[in-house]
Amino acid sequence: MLSRLPKWVEYGAFLLALVAGSVNAVALLGFHHQAVSHLSGTATLIGSVLFSQSSDALLHLIGILLSFVIGSAISGYMLTGRSLKLGRFYDVLLVLEALFLLIAMYLLLNNYTSGHYLASAACGLQNALATTYSGAVVRTTHLTGIFTDLGIMLGEALQGKPLDRRKACLFIIIVLGFICGGALGSWLFLTLSFWALSIPAFVCFVLAVLYRFVATAS
């Protein structure tokens, strides 16, 4: 699948991972240590509060989980094919992700916790967008699968099997993008509070414009 993807996918993957890492950093610092770019921790927290008296916390966590699923569903609805093809609605989805982040920023600046749901939906939308066009090779909002695949590739290389260098490089690019995004998001949050979400939103807008330019020129 990866061999059929265009060469610029690596650049897009880095920037999308940067966006996800920065949003998640803002979430961890500003949402009571609640991640939004992946759901493993959220699902664990749901299990941990099931038998507690905190129904509000339980409903909030379920809301974050469902918001991620809804964001993914939006991508699944708008992207009818599973191959990366110019002219599909990637730019529309990127603009929608940016709008989700901006609305989340506005809500959080005004002390509305519902902003958490919009941030989670933005991450779900992005992850489904990347997963759909790459056949699940590119995942930009979390790194567990990436590190697992890197480990598998390392084990196969130790057996003497050929290493897919492009795939390994892509995974490393995504890891670096996510880490850089985490550093950027942390610095922005400490400097700008929830205004920090405007930066990943801006990156999404820029990616949408660049995609539309390339699609129109092709």
Protein backbone atom coordinates (compact mmCIF):
# COMPACT_ATOMS: atom_id res chain seq x y z
CA MET A 1 0.00 0.00 0.00
CA LEU A 2 2.74 2.45 0.93
CA SER A 3 4.47 2.08 -2.43
CA ARG A 4 1.35 3.44 -4.13
CA LEU A 5 1.32 6.62 -2.06
CA PRO A 6 2.86 9.80 -3.53
CA LYS A 7 6.22 11.08 -2.32
CA TRP A 8 4.69 14.08 -0.55
CA VAL A 9 2.85 11.83 1.89
CA GLU A 10 5.83 11.95 4.26
CA TYR A 11 5.57 15.75 4.53
CA GLY A 12 1.84 15.59 5.17
CA ALA A 13 2.27 12.81 7.73
CA PHE A 14 4.86 14.87 9.64
CA LEU A 15 2.61 17.94 9.75
CA LEU A 16 -0.49 15.97 10.75
CA ALA A 17 1.47 14.24 13.51
CA LEU A 18 2.71 17.68 14.57
CA VAL A 19 -0.90 18.89 14.78
CA ALA A 20 -2.01 15.85 16.81
CA GLY A 21 0.97 16.06 19.15
CA SER A 22 0.39 19.74 19.85
CA VAL A 23 -3.36 19.29 20.43
CA ASN A 24 -2.71 16.37 22.76
CA ALA A 25 -0.11 18.38 24.69
CA VAL A 26 -2.62 21.18 25.21
CA ALA A 27 -5.15 18.59 26.34
CA LEU A 28 -2.79 16.98 28.82
CA LEU A 29 -1.81 20.33 30.30
CA GLY A 30 -5.20 21.99 30.21
CA PHE A 31 -7.88 19.27 30.32
CA HIS A 32 -6.99 17.81 33.74
CA HIS A 33 -4.40 15.50 32.13
CA GLN A 34 -6.99 14.12 29.71
CA ALA A 35 -5.59 13.00 26.34
CA VAL A 36 -7.73 13.46 23.24
CA SER A 37 -5.61 12.17 20.34
CA HIS A 38 -6.07 8.51 21.35
CA LEU A 39 -8.58 6.57 23.42
CA SER A 40 -6.67 3.86 25.30
CA GLY A 41 -6.23 6.03 28.38
CA THR A 42 -9.79 7.32 28.12
CA ALA A 43 -11.19 3.79 27.98
CA THR A 44 -9.08 2.85 31.01
CA LEU A 45 -10.36 5.87 32.93
CA ILE A 46 -13.94 4.93 32.06
CA GLY A 47 -13.33 1.53 33.59
CA SER A 48 -11.74 3.09 36.67
CA VAL A 49 -14.73 5.34 37.42
CA LEU A 50 -17.50 2.86 36.60
CA PHE A 51 -17.99 1.91 40.23
CA SER A 52 -17.26 5.31 41.71
CA GLN A 53 -19.80 7.94 42.67
CA SER A 54 -18.54 10.37 39.98
CA SER A 55 -21.26 10.12 37.32
CA ASP A 56 -20.22 13.48 35.88
CA ALA A 57 -16.68 12.23 35.28
CA LEU A 58 -18.00 9.06 33.68
CA LEU A 59 -20.29 10.97 31.32
CA HIS A 60 -17.48 13.37 30.44
CA LEU A 61 -15.12 10.52 29.53
CA ILE A 62 -17.80 8.80 27.49
CA GLY A 63 -18.39 12.11 25.72
CA ILE A 64 -14.72 12.35 24.76
CA LEU A 65 -14.76 8.78 23.46
CA LEU A 66 -17.95 9.27 21.44
CA SER A 67 -16.66 12.58 20.06
CA PHE A 68 -13.58 10.83 18.66
CA VAL A 69 -15.83 8.24 17.03
CA ILE A 70 -18.09 10.94 15.57
CA GLY A 71 -15.07 12.74 14.11
CA SER A 72 -13.93 9.47 12.55
CA ALA A 73 -17.43 8.87 11.19
CA ILE A 74 -17.39 12.25 9.45
CA SER A 75 -14.21 11.27 7.59
CA GLY A 76 -15.62 7.85 6.81
CA TYR A 77 -18.76 9.41 5.36
CA MET A 78 -16.98 11.99 3.20
CA LEU A 79 -14.16 9.77 1.91
CA THR A 80 -15.76 7.12 -0.26
CA GLY A 81 -12.50 5.57 -1.50
CA ARG A 82 -9.58 4.02 0.33
CA SER A 83 -6.81 5.21 -1.97
CA LEU A 84 -5.17 8.62 -1.93
CA LYS A 85 -6.57 10.46 -4.94
CA LEU A 86 -6.44 14.14 -5.73
CA GLY A 87 -9.85 15.77 -5.84
CA ARG A 88 -11.33 14.00 -2.85
CA PHE A 89 -12.52 15.94 0.19
CA TYR A 90 -9.26 16.01 2.15
CA ASP A 91 -9.17 19.80 2.06
CA VAL A 92 -12.76 20.06 3.30
CA LEU A 93 -11.97 17.71 6.16
CA LEU A 94 -8.83 19.63 7.08
CA VAL A 95 -10.82 22.88 7.16
CA LEU A 96 -13.44 21.16 9.29
CA GLU A 97 -10.74 19.94 11.66
CA ALA A 98 -9.40 23.49 11.93
CA LEU A 99 -12.90 24.79 12.70
CA PHE A 100 -13.37 22.14 15.39
CA LEU A 101 -10.11 23.25 17.01
CA LEU A 102 -11.04 26.93 16.85
CA ILE A 103 -14.47 26.29 18.36
CA ALA A 104 -12.83 24.13 21.04
CA MET A 105 -10.43 26.99 21.77
CA TYR A 106 -13.28 29.48 22.12
CA LEU A 107 -15.24 27.19 24.44
CA LEU A 108 -12.23 26.41 26.62
CA LEU A 109 -11.23 30.06 26.88
CA ASN A 110 -14.73 30.67 28.23
CA ASN A 111 -14.51 27.75 30.69
CA TYR A 112 -16.84 25.41 28.80
CA THR A 113 -15.61 21.83 29.13
CA SER A 114 -17.52 20.95 25.97
CA GLY A 115 -14.43 22.21 24.17
CA HIS A 116 -12.82 18.89 25.08
CA TYR A 117 -15.32 17.11 22.85
CA LEU A 118 -14.55 19.29 19.83
CA ALA A 119 -10.81 18.72 20.26
CA SER A 120 -11.38 14.96 20.49
CA ALA A 121 -13.62 15.03 17.40
CA ALA A 122 -10.90 16.91 15.50
CA CYS A 123 -8.38 14.19 16.36
CA GLY A 124 -10.79 11.42 15.39
CA LEU A 125 -11.49 13.12 12.08
CA GLN A 126 -7.77 13.46 11.35
CA ASN A 127 -6.89 9.91 12.31
CA ALA A 128 -9.65 8.47 10.14
CA LEU A 129 -8.61 10.72 7.24
CA ALA A 130 -5.03 9.44 7.34
CA THR A 131 -6.01 5.84 8.04
CA THR A 132 -8.52 5.75 5.18
CA TYR A 133 -6.16 6.97 2.48
CA SER A 134 -3.20 4.86 3.62
CA GLY A 135 -4.83 1.51 4.34
CA ALA A 136 -4.02 1.94 8.06
CA VAL A 137 -0.31 2.39 7.33
CA VAL A 138 -0.31 6.05 8.35
CA ARG A 139 -1.72 6.85 11.78
CA THR A 140 -0.96 10.35 12.95
CA THR A 141 -2.73 10.84 16.28
CA HIS A 142 -1.06 8.12 18.35
CA LEU A 143 2.17 6.12 18.28
CA THR A 144 1.41 2.71 19.81
CA GLY A 145 0.81 1.05 16.44
CA ILE A 146 3.77 2.86 14.91
CA PHE A 147 6.17 1.58 17.57
CA THR A 148 4.65 -1.90 17.30
CA ASP A 149 5.22 -1.93 13.53
CA LEU A 150 8.77 -0.66 13.98
CA GLY A 151 9.41 -3.47 16.48
CA ILE A 152 8.03 -6.05 14.05
CA MET A 153 10.20 -4.67 11.26
CA LEU A 154 13.27 -4.79 13.51
CA GLY A 155 12.56 -8.40 14.44
CA GLU A 156 12.12 -9.35 10.79
CA ALA A 157 15.36 -7.57 9.88
CA LEU A 158 17.17 -9.58 12.55
CA GLN A 159 15.84 -12.71 10.81
CA GLY A 160 17.50 -11.52 7.62
CA LYS A 161 14.33 -10.35 5.88
CA PRO A 162 14.59 -7.21 3.71
CA LEU A 163 13.77 -3.92 5.44
CA ASP A 164 11.18 -1.63 3.86
CA ARG A 165 13.23 1.54 4.17
CA ARG A 166 10.49 3.91 3.06
CA LYS A 167 8.04 2.48 5.56
CA ALA A 168 10.58 2.67 8.38
CA CYS A 169 11.47 6.26 7.46
CA LEU A 170 7.78 7.21 7.34
CA PHE A 171 7.22 5.80 10.83
CA ILE A 172 10.24 7.67 12.19
CA ILE A 173 8.97 10.87 10.55
CA ILE A 174 5.58 10.44 12.25
CA VAL A 175 7.24 9.82 15.63
CA LEU A 176 9.38 12.93 15.24
CA GLY A 177 6.37 14.96 14.13
CA PHE A 178 4.33 13.89 17.15
CA ILE A 179 7.17 14.60 19.58
CA CYS A 180 7.84 18.00 18.00
CA GLY A 181 4.13 18.73 18.18
CA GLY A 182 4.10 17.81 21.85
CA ALA A 183 6.97 20.18 22.53
CA LEU A 184 5.34 22.94 20.49
CA GLY A 185 1.94 22.46 22.10
CA SER A 186 3.43 22.51 25.60
CA TRP A 187 5.35 25.72 24.92
CA LEU A 188 2.33 27.35 23.29
CA PHE A 189 0.01 26.42 26.15
CA LEU A 190 2.40 27.75 28.77
CA THR A 191 2.68 30.95 26.72
CA LEU A 192 -0.83 31.41 25.31
CA SER A 193 -3.12 29.15 27.35
CA PHE A 194 -5.89 27.72 25.14
CA TRP A 195 -5.07 30.20 22.38
CA ALA A 196 -2.42 27.58 21.61
CA LEU A 197 -5.04 25.60 19.65
CA SER A 198 -5.06 28.33 17.02
CA ILE A 199 -1.65 27.19 15.77
CA PRO A 200 -2.58 23.57 14.86
CA ALA A 201 -5.81 24.97 13.40
CA PHE A 202 -3.74 27.29 11.21
CA VAL A 203 -1.56 24.36 10.09
CA CYS A 204 -4.71 22.48 9.05
CA PHE A 205 -5.89 25.49 7.02
CA VAL A 206 -2.50 25.74 5.29
CA LEU A 207 -2.52 22.02 4.47
CA ALA A 208 -6.02 22.35 3.02
CA VAL A 209 -4.95 25.24 0.79
CA LEU A 210 -1.81 23.39 -0.37
CA TYR A 211 -3.81 20.26 -1.12
CA ARG A 212 -6.36 22.22 -3.14
CA PHE A 213 -3.56 23.97 -5.05
CA VAL A 214 -1.92 20.65 -5.93
CA ALA A 215 -5.26 19.08 -6.88
CA THR A 216 -6.15 22.01 -9.13
CA ALA A 217 -2.74 22.10 -10.77
CA SER A 218 -2.76 18.37 -11.53
